[in-house]
C-alpha atoms as a PDB file:
ATOM      1  CA  UNK A   1      15.873  -3.337 -31.622  1.00  0.00           C
ATOM      2  CA  UNK A   2      13.153  -5.663 -30.399  1.00  0.00           C
ATOM      3  CA  UNK A   3      10.665  -5.216 -27.616  1.00  0.00           C
ATOM      4  CA  UNK A   4      10.522  -7.699 -24.753  1.00  0.00           C
ATOM      5  CA  UNK A   5       9.894 -11.265 -25.834  1.00  0.00           C
ATOM      6  CA  UNK A   6       7.499 -12.352 -23.090  1.00  0.00           C
ATOM      7  CA  UNK A   7       5.185  -9.496 -22.061  1.00  0.00           C
ATOM      8  CA  UNK A   8       3.107 -10.096 -18.941  1.00  0.00           C
ATOM      9  CA  UNK A   9      -0.493  -9.007 -19.327  1.00  0.00           C
ATOM     10  CA  UNK A  10      -1.407  -6.807 -16.416  1.00  0.00           C
ATOM     11  CA  UNK A  11      -4.839  -5.630 -17.457  1.00  0.00           C
ATOM     12  CA  UNK A  12      -6.661  -8.921 -17.988  1.00  0.00           C
ATOM     13  CA  UNK A  13      -6.940 -12.273 -16.312  1.00  0.00           C
ATOM     14  CA  UNK A  14      -5.013 -14.140 -19.008  1.00  0.00           C
ATOM     15  CA  UNK A  15      -1.480 -15.508 -18.849  1.00  0.00           C
ATOM     16  CA  UNK A  16      -0.933 -14.471 -15.241  1.00  0.00           C
ATOM     17  CA  UNK A  17       0.969 -16.631 -12.752  1.00  0.00           C
ATOM     18  CA  UNK A  18      -1.313 -18.952 -10.831  1.00  0.00           C
ATOM     19  CA  UNK A  19      -1.490 -18.789  -7.057  1.00  0.00           C
ATOM     20  CA  UNK A  20       1.233 -21.029  -5.720  1.00  0.00           C
ATOM     21  CA  UNK A  21       1.609 -22.973  -2.499  1.00  0.00           C
ATOM     22  CA  UNK A  22       5.377 -22.481  -2.755  1.00  0.00           C
ATOM     23  CA  UNK A  23       5.216 -19.606  -0.299  1.00  0.00           C
ATOM     24  CA  UNK A  24       4.211 -22.127   2.371  1.00  0.00           C
ATOM     25  CA  UNK A  25       7.193 -24.415   1.752  1.00  0.00           C
ATOM     26  CA  UNK A  26      10.428 -24.322   3.750  1.00  0.00           C
ATOM     27  CA  UNK A  27      12.859 -21.699   2.484  1.00  0.00           C
ATOM     28  CA  UNK A  28      15.353 -24.280   1.232  1.00  0.00           C
ATOM     29  CA  UNK A  29      12.734 -25.906  -0.977  1.00  0.00           C
ATOM     30  CA  UNK A  30      11.458 -22.592  -2.276  1.00  0.00           C
ATOM     31  CA  UNK A  31      14.766 -21.015  -3.151  1.00  0.00           C
ATOM     32  CA  UNK A  32      17.099 -23.834  -4.054  1.00  0.00           C
ATOM     33  CA  UNK A  33      17.515 -22.452  -7.599  1.00  0.00           C
ATOM     34  CA  UNK A  34      17.944 -18.814  -6.556  1.00  0.00           C
ATOM     35  CA  UNK A  35      20.941 -16.757  -7.553  1.00  0.00           C
ATOM     36  CA  UNK A  36      23.140 -16.855  -4.475  1.00  0.00           C
ATOM     37  CA  UNK A  37      23.605 -13.857  -2.230  1.00  0.00           C
ATOM     38  CA  UNK A  38      26.086 -13.511   0.639  1.00  0.00           C
ATOM     39  CA  UNK A  39      26.916 -16.794   2.373  1.00  0.00           C
ATOM     40  CA  UNK A  40      25.183 -18.762  -0.374  1.00  0.00           C
ATOM     41  CA  UNK A  41      21.654 -17.673   0.552  1.00  0.00           C
ATOM     42  CA  UNK A  42      19.209 -16.615  -2.186  1.00  0.00           C
ATOM     43  CA  UNK A  43      19.097 -12.992  -3.264  1.00  0.00           C
ATOM     44  CA  UNK A  44      16.746 -11.152  -0.901  1.00  0.00           C
ATOM     45  CA  UNK A  45      14.951  -7.965  -1.961  1.00  0.00           C
ATOM     46  CA  UNK A  46      12.458  -5.854  -0.007  1.00  0.00           C
ATOM     47  CA  UNK A  47       9.572  -4.595  -2.163  1.00  0.00           C
ATOM     48  CA  UNK A  48       7.426  -1.815  -0.708  1.00  0.00           C
ATOM     49  CA  UNK A  49       4.210  -0.590  -2.338  1.00  0.00           C
ATOM     50  CA  UNK A  50       2.678   2.788  -1.459  1.00  0.00           C
ATOM     51  CA  UNK A  51      -0.449   4.630  -2.581  1.00  0.00           C
ATOM     52  CA  UNK A  52       0.967   6.560  -5.531  1.00  0.00           C
ATOM     53  CA  UNK A  53      -0.230   5.620  -8.990  1.00  0.00           C
ATOM     54  CA  UNK A  54       1.799   2.828 -10.590  1.00  0.00           C
ATOM     55  CA  UNK A  55       0.405  -0.461  -9.297  1.00  0.00           C
ATOM     56  CA  UNK A  56       1.145  -2.257 -12.606  1.00  0.00           C
ATOM     57  CA  UNK A  57       4.844  -1.615 -11.966  1.00  0.00           C
ATOM     58  CA  UNK A  58       4.671  -3.337  -8.575  1.00  0.00           C
ATOM     59  CA  UNK A  59       2.829  -6.360  -9.962  1.00  0.00           C
ATOM     60  CA  UNK A  60       5.167  -6.737 -12.932  1.00  0.00           C
ATOM     61  CA  UNK A  61       8.265  -6.378 -10.759  1.00  0.00           C
ATOM     62  CA  UNK A  62       7.134  -9.055  -8.307  1.00  0.00           C
ATOM     63  CA  UNK A  63       6.292 -11.362 -11.209  1.00  0.00           C
ATOM     64  CA  UNK A  64       9.761 -10.906 -12.682  1.00  0.00           C
ATOM     65  CA  UNK A  65      11.529 -11.324  -9.350  1.00  0.00           C
ATOM     66  CA  UNK A  66       9.660 -14.584  -8.797  1.00  0.00           C
ATOM     67  CA  UNK A  67      10.799 -15.789 -12.219  1.00  0.00           C
ATOM     68  CA  UNK A  68      14.366 -15.022 -11.118  1.00  0.00           C
ATOM     69  CA  UNK A  69      13.903 -17.011  -7.879  1.00  0.00           C
ATOM     70  CA  UNK A  70      14.570 -13.949  -5.748  1.00  0.00           C
ATOM     71  CA  UNK A  71      13.370 -14.055  -2.143  1.00  0.00           C
ATOM     72  CA  UNK A  72      11.023 -11.078  -1.879  1.00  0.00           C
ATOM     73  CA  UNK A  73       9.734  -9.389   1.272  1.00  0.00           C
ATOM     74  CA  UNK A  74       6.583  -7.396   0.523  1.00  0.00           C
ATOM     75  CA  UNK A  75       5.373  -4.424   2.579  1.00  0.00           C
ATOM     76  CA  UNK A  76       2.241  -2.661   1.330  1.00  0.00           C
ATOM     77  CA  UNK A  77       0.579   0.418   2.770  1.00  0.00           C
ATOM     78  CA  UNK A  78      -3.188   0.724   3.192  1.00  0.00           C
ATOM     79  CA  UNK A  79      -3.412   3.130   0.270  1.00  0.00           C
ATOM     80  CA  UNK A  80      -1.112   0.947  -1.780  1.00  0.00           C
ATOM     81  CA  UNK A  81      -3.772  -1.760  -1.579  1.00  0.00           C
ATOM     82  CA  UNK A  82      -6.522   0.711  -2.470  1.00  0.00           C
ATOM     83  CA  UNK A  83      -4.664   1.991  -5.532  1.00  0.00           C
ATOM     84  CA  UNK A  84      -3.938  -1.581  -6.639  1.00  0.00           C
ATOM     85  CA  UNK A  85      -7.645  -2.393  -6.530  1.00  0.00           C
ATOM     86  CA  UNK A  86      -8.551   0.725  -8.514  1.00  0.00           C
ATOM     87  CA  UNK A  87      -5.871   0.620 -11.220  1.00  0.00           C
ATOM     88  CA  UNK A  88      -5.919  -3.066 -12.163  1.00  0.00           C
ATOM     89  CA  UNK A  89      -8.581  -5.640 -12.926  1.00  0.00           C
ATOM     90  CA  UNK A  90      -9.658  -8.945 -11.414  1.00  0.00           C
ATOM     91  CA  UNK A  91      -7.942 -11.252 -10.546  1.00  0.00           C
ATOM     92  CA  UNK A  92      -4.657  -9.385 -10.138  1.00  0.00           C
ATOM     93  CA  UNK A  93      -5.945  -6.288  -8.347  1.00  0.00           C
ATOM     94  CA  UNK A  94      -6.229  -7.732  -4.850  1.00  0.00           C
ATOM     95  CA  UNK A  95      -3.803  -7.635  -1.952  1.00  0.00           C
ATOM     96  CA  UNK A  96      -4.019 -11.421  -1.726  1.00  0.00           C
ATOM     97  CA  UNK A  97      -2.857 -11.730  -5.337  1.00  0.00           C
ATOM     98  CA  UNK A  98       0.077  -9.394  -4.777  1.00  0.00           C
ATOM     99  CA  UNK A  99       0.990 -11.262  -1.599  1.00  0.00           C
ATOM    100  CA  UNK A 100       0.920 -14.545  -3.531  1.00  0.00           C
ATOM    101  CA  UNK A 101       3.754 -13.233  -5.701  1.00  0.00           C
ATOM    102  CA  UNK A 102       5.977 -12.489  -2.696  1.00  0.00           C
ATOM    103  CA  UNK A 103       7.972 -14.922  -0.591  1.00  0.00           C
ATOM    104  CA  UNK A 104       7.183 -13.173   2.701  1.00  0.00           C
ATOM    105  CA  UNK A 105       4.624 -10.494   3.529  1.00  0.00           C
ATOM    106  CA  UNK A 106       4.933  -7.980   6.369  1.00  0.00           C
ATOM    107  CA  UNK A 107       2.362  -5.563   7.778  1.00  0.00           C
ATOM    108  CA  UNK A 108       3.326  -1.946   7.214  1.00  0.00           C
ATOM    109  CA  UNK A 109       2.329  -1.301  10.846  1.00  0.00           C
ATOM    110  CA  UNK A 110       4.696  -3.921  12.282  1.00  0.00           C
ATOM    111  CA  UNK A 111       7.829  -1.933  13.045  1.00  0.00           C
ATOM    112  CA  UNK A 112       9.061  -4.908  15.100  1.00  0.00           C
ATOM    113  CA  UNK A 113       9.448  -7.004  11.930  1.00  0.00           C
ATOM    114  CA  UNK A 114      12.812  -8.404  10.852  1.00  0.00           C
ATOM    115  CA  UNK A 115      13.182  -5.681   8.219  1.00  0.00           C
ATOM    116  CA  UNK A 116      13.486  -3.095  11.005  1.00  0.00           C
ATOM    117  CA  UNK A 117      16.959  -4.322  11.910  1.00  0.00           C
ATOM    118  CA  UNK A 118      20.177  -4.071   9.969  1.00  0.00           C
ATOM    119  CA  UNK A 119      21.116  -7.486  11.349  1.00  0.00           C
ATOM    120  CA  UNK A 120      18.552  -8.965   8.951  1.00  0.00           C
ATOM    121  CA  UNK A 121      20.573  -9.166   5.752  1.00  0.00           C
ATOM    122  CA  UNK A 122      19.016  -8.076   2.479  1.00  0.00           C
ATOM    123  CA  UNK A 123      20.453  -7.289  -0.938  1.00  0.00           C
ATOM    124  CA  UNK A 124      18.465  -4.115  -1.406  1.00  0.00           C
ATOM    125  CA  UNK A 125      15.040  -2.523  -1.332  1.00  0.00           C
ATOM    126  CA  UNK A 126      12.742  -0.910  -3.861  1.00  0.00           C
ATOM    127  CA  UNK A 127       9.698   1.260  -3.174  1.00  0.00           C
ATOM    128  CA  UNK A 128       7.411   0.920  -6.186  1.00  0.00           C
ATOM    129  CA  UNK A 129       5.573   3.160  -6.580  1.00  0.00           C
ATOM    130  CA  UNK A 130       6.974   5.663  -4.077  1.00  0.00           C
ATOM    131  CA  UNK A 131       4.592   8.396  -2.933  1.00  0.00           C
ATOM    132  CA  UNK A 132       5.866  11.867  -2.085  1.00  0.00           C
ATOM    133  CA  UNK A 133       4.811  11.293   1.529  1.00  0.00           C
ATOM    134  CA  UNK A 134       7.007   8.203   1.735  1.00  0.00           C
ATOM    135  CA  UNK A 135       9.842  10.051   0.014  1.00  0.00           C
ATOM    136  CA  UNK A 136       9.581  12.836   2.604  1.00  0.00           C
ATOM    137  CA  UNK A 137       9.565  10.326   5.459  1.00  0.00           C
ATOM    138  CA  UNK A 138      12.696   8.626   4.131  1.00  0.00           C
ATOM    139  CA  UNK A 139      14.435  11.966   3.618  1.00  0.00           C
ATOM    140  CA  UNK A 140      13.694  13.030   7.228  1.00  0.00           C
ATOM    141  CA  UNK A 141      14.331   9.608   8.790  1.00  0.00           C
ATOM    142  CA  UNK A 142      10.780   9.643  10.165  1.00  0.00           C
ATOM    143  CA  UNK A 143      10.395   5.899  10.691  1.00  0.00           C
ATOM    144  CA  UNK A 144       6.689   5.825  11.548  1.00  0.00           C
ATOM    145  CA  UNK A 145       5.916   2.624   9.615  1.00  0.00           C
ATOM    146  CA  UNK A 146       7.761  -0.429   8.333  1.00  0.00           C
ATOM    147  CA  UNK A 147       8.187   0.948   4.815  1.00  0.00           C
ATOM    148  CA  UNK A 148      10.088   4.035   5.938  1.00  0.00           C
ATOM    149  CA  UNK A 149      11.918   2.125   8.670  1.00  0.00           C
ATOM    150  CA  UNK A 150      13.099  -0.563   6.234  1.00  0.00           C
ATOM    151  CA  UNK A 151      14.247   2.157   3.836  1.00  0.00           C
ATOM    152  CA  UNK A 152      16.191   3.868   6.629  1.00  0.00           C
ATOM    153  CA  UNK A 153      17.826   0.549   7.514  1.00  0.00           C
ATOM    154  CA  UNK A 154      18.747  -0.004   3.874  1.00  0.00           C
ATOM    155  CA  UNK A 155      20.447   3.392   3.754  1.00  0.00           C
ATOM    156  CA  UNK A 156      22.299   3.079   7.036  1.00  0.00           C
ATOM    157  CA  UNK A 157      23.585  -0.373   6.099  1.00  0.00           C
ATOM    158  CA  UNK A 158      24.815   1.019   2.748  1.00  0.00           C
ATOM    159  CA  UNK A 159      22.581  -1.250   0.697  1.00  0.00           C
ATOM    160  CA  UNK A 160      20.890  -0.349  -2.575  1.00  0.00           C
ATOM    161  CA  UNK A 161      17.637   1.610  -2.181  1.00  0.00           C
ATOM    162  CA  UNK A 162      15.582   2.376  -5.298  1.00  0.00           C
ATOM    163  CA  UNK A 163      12.677   4.824  -5.036  1.00  0.00           C
ATOM    164  CA  UNK A 164      10.272   4.693  -7.982  1.00  0.00           C
ATOM    165  CA  UNK A 165       9.031   8.223  -7.375  1.00  0.00           C
ATOM    166  CA  UNK A 166       5.693   8.841  -9.028  1.00  0.00           C
ATOM    167  CA  UNK A 167       4.469  12.442  -9.193  1.00  0.00           C
ATOM    168  CA  UNK A 168       4.167  15.250 -11.730  1.00  0.00           C
ATOM    169  CA  UNK A 169       4.707  18.148 -11.863  1.00  0.00           C
ATOM    170  CA  UNK A 170       7.352  18.427  -9.155  1.00  0.00           C
ATOM    171  CA  UNK A 171       7.514  21.175  -6.539  1.00  0.00           C
ATOM    172  CA  UNK A 172      10.777  22.482  -5.123  1.00  0.00           C
ATOM    173  CA  UNK A 173       9.950  20.534  -1.940  1.00  0.00           C
ATOM    174  CA  UNK A 174       9.753  17.244  -3.858  1.00  0.00           C
ATOM    175  CA  UNK A 175      12.949  18.041  -5.748  1.00  0.00           C
ATOM    176  CA  UNK A 176      14.819  18.904  -2.552  1.00  0.00           C
ATOM    177  CA  UNK A 177      13.670  15.636  -0.980  1.00  0.00           C
ATOM    178  CA  UNK A 178      14.899  13.719  -4.031  1.00  0.00           C
ATOM    179  CA  UNK A 179      18.244  15.491  -3.876  1.00  0.00           C
ATOM    180  CA  UNK A 180      18.732  14.723  -0.184  1.00  0.00           C
ATOM    181  CA  UNK A 181      17.860  11.013  -0.436  1.00  0.00           C
ATOM    182  CA  UNK A 182      20.223  10.776  -3.406  1.00  0.00           C
ATOM    183  CA  UNK A 183      22.989  12.302  -1.294  1.00  0.00           C
ATOM    184  CA  UNK A 184      22.191   9.682   1.360  1.00  0.00           C
ATOM    185  CA  UNK A 185      22.744   6.900  -1.172  1.00  0.00           C
ATOM    186  CA  UNK A 186      19.303   6.177  -2.641  1.00  0.00           C
ATOM    187  CA  UNK A 187      18.545   5.959  -6.360  1.00  0.00           C
ATOM    188  CA  UNK A 188      15.520   8.002  -7.460  1.00  0.00           C
ATOM    189  CA  UNK A 189      13.904   6.247 -10.416  1.00  0.00           C
ATOM    190  CA  UNK A 190      10.983   8.115 -12.018  1.00  0.00           C
ATOM    191  CA  UNK A 191       9.213   5.565 -14.276  1.00  0.00           C
ATOM    192  CA  UNK A 192       9.586   7.708 -17.379  1.00  0.00           C
ATOM    193  CA  UNK A 193       8.204   6.351 -20.641  1.00  0.00           C
ATOM    194  CA  UNK A 194      10.832   5.274 -23.181  1.00  0.00           C
ATOM    195  CA  UNK A 195       9.815   5.621 -26.811  1.00  0.00           C
ATOM    196  CA  UNK A 196      13.081   4.427 -28.395  1.00  0.00           C
ATOM    197  CA  UNK A 197      11.915   0.848 -27.782  1.00  0.00           C
ATOM    198  CA  UNK A 198       8.899   1.632 -30.010  1.00  0.00           C
ATOM    199  CA  UNK A 199       6.379   0.226 -27.490  1.00  0.00           C
ATOM    200  CA  UNK A 200       3.087  -1.060 -28.844  1.00  0.00           C
ATOM    201  CA  UNK A 201       1.221  -1.254 -25.523  1.00  0.00           C
ATOM    202  CA  UNK A 202       1.184  -0.035 -21.929  1.00  0.00           C
ATOM    203  CA  UNK A 203       2.604  -3.415 -20.936  1.00  0.00           C
ATOM    204  CA  UNK A 204       5.648  -2.811 -23.149  1.00  0.00           C
ATOM    205  CA  UNK A 205       6.380   0.423 -21.295  1.00  0.00           C
ATOM    206  CA  UNK A 206       5.789  -1.191 -17.906  1.00  0.00           C
ATOM    207  CA  UNK A 207       8.159  -4.058 -18.698  1.00  0.00           C
ATOM    208  CA  UNK A 208      10.887  -1.704 -19.932  1.00  0.00           C
ATOM    209  CA  UNK A 209      10.782   0.196 -16.634  1.00  0.00           C
ATOM    210  CA  UNK A 210      10.747  -3.031 -14.631  1.00  0.00           C
ATOM    211  CA  UNK A 211      13.802  -4.375 -16.410  1.00  0.00           C
ATOM    212  CA  UNK A 212      15.665  -1.152 -15.610  1.00  0.00           C
ATOM    213  CA  UNK A 213      14.663  -1.570 -11.953  1.00  0.00           C
ATOM    214  CA  UNK A 214      16.035  -5.106 -11.980  1.00  0.00           C
ATOM    215  CA  UNK A 215      19.316  -3.767 -13.357  1.00  0.00           C
ATOM    216  CA  UNK A 216      19.513  -1.236 -10.521  1.00  0.00           C
ATOM    217  CA  UNK A 217      18.965  -4.013  -7.976  1.00  0.00           C
ATOM    218  CA  UNK A 218      22.042  -5.730  -9.438  1.00  0.00           C
ATOM    219  CA  UNK A 219      20.112  -8.821 -10.480  1.00  0.00           C
ATOM    220  CA  UNK A 220      21.044 -10.791 -13.566  1.00  0.00           C
ATOM    221  CA  UNK A 221      18.465 -11.684 -16.182  1.00  0.00           C
ATOM    222  CA  UNK A 222      19.756 -14.844 -17.839  1.00  0.00           C
ATOM    223  CA  UNK A 223      17.092 -15.796 -20.363  1.00  0.00           C
ATOM    224  CA  UNK A 224      15.333 -13.698 -22.984  1.00  0.00           C
ATOM    225  CA  UNK A 225      14.288 -10.336 -21.664  1.00  0.00           C
ATOM    226  CA  UNK A 226      16.712  -7.444 -21.407  1.00  0.00           C
ATOM    227  CA  UNK A 227      19.495  -9.200 -23.240  1.00  0.00           C
ATOM    228  CA  UNK A 228      21.539  -7.289 -25.811  1.00  0.00           C
ATOM    229  CA  UNK A 229      18.747  -7.130 -28.394  1.00  0.00           C
ATOM    230  CA  UNK A 230      16.510  -5.257 -25.921  1.00  0.00           C
ATOM    231  CA  UNK A 231      19.126  -2.711 -24.849  1.00  0.00           C
ATOM    232  CA  UNK A 232      19.957   0.553 -26.544  1.00  0.00           C
ATOM    233  CA  UNK A 233      22.908   0.276 -28.902  1.00  0.00           C
ATOM    234  CA  UNK A 234      22.418   3.361 -31.058  1.00  0.00           C
ATOM    235  CA  UNK A 235      20.026   4.325 -33.842  1.00  0.00           C
ATOM    236  CA  UNK A 236      19.103   1.384 -36.061  1.00  0.00           C
ATOM    237  CA  UNK A 237      17.815   3.135 -39.153  1.00  0.00           C
ATOM    238  CA  UNK A 238      17.775  -0.070 -41.180  1.00  0.00           C
ATOM    239  CA  UNK A 239      15.372  -1.701 -38.721  1.00  0.00           C
ATOM    240  CA  UNK A 240      13.195   1.400 -38.704  1.00  0.00           C
ATOM    241  CA  UNK A 241      13.085   1.317 -42.491  1.00  0.00           C
ATOM    242  CA  UNK A 242      11.966  -2.305 -42.469  1.00  0.00           C
ATOM    243  CA  UNK A 243       9.202  -1.482 -39.987  1.00  0.00           C
ATOM    244  CA  UNK A 244       7.932   1.354 -42.181  1.00  0.00           C
ATOM    245  CA  UNK A 245       8.142  -0.633 -45.406  1.00  0.00           C
END
């Protein structure tokens, strides 16, 4: 079993996507090669970033979604931006860099934004990372900002909602909140490390989690990453023997 073919380096300034003016182009020009969603429009995913640890996951996910020509709507909390700055390095630790990876950016304070209405069609939403405060707000339907409001809309419209919950250890309060949002239709996705892929770096583990997130969003990866050779198919003792030889 092989690790991912094209790792994205999150902790240095090398091999990162350059800032693009594509986000300023008309939607038709930007998304003409996107995988179609309902009515032939490009796939549209809401990506929310909160202040929990896990900024590399958000960056890597947005990079991958851009490669897949998915229309992304980014909402980032104040503490999401602070954690991004602390956990990553220049040049990809700024809010402007993260925004450059998204198709559209919304203020987390703007509850009047399009994402607040179910009439604005999306193909799902992911909160990555998802703080326990945000989880609690979603569980209670306390729509005090655009992140929680957009999540509530996603649930009520019966669309896919993925919550990359990042906390340990877990109290009974956190566990009850996870149970209730799961009953409401959300998918709780703790970014747990997978060692069966035999990762050689933090990036390997980040990319494995991101590919699983993409699966949960029902997006198809056509080239390279997460094809059959990167998926679990049982113990491969012969390959392990070759690695240890």
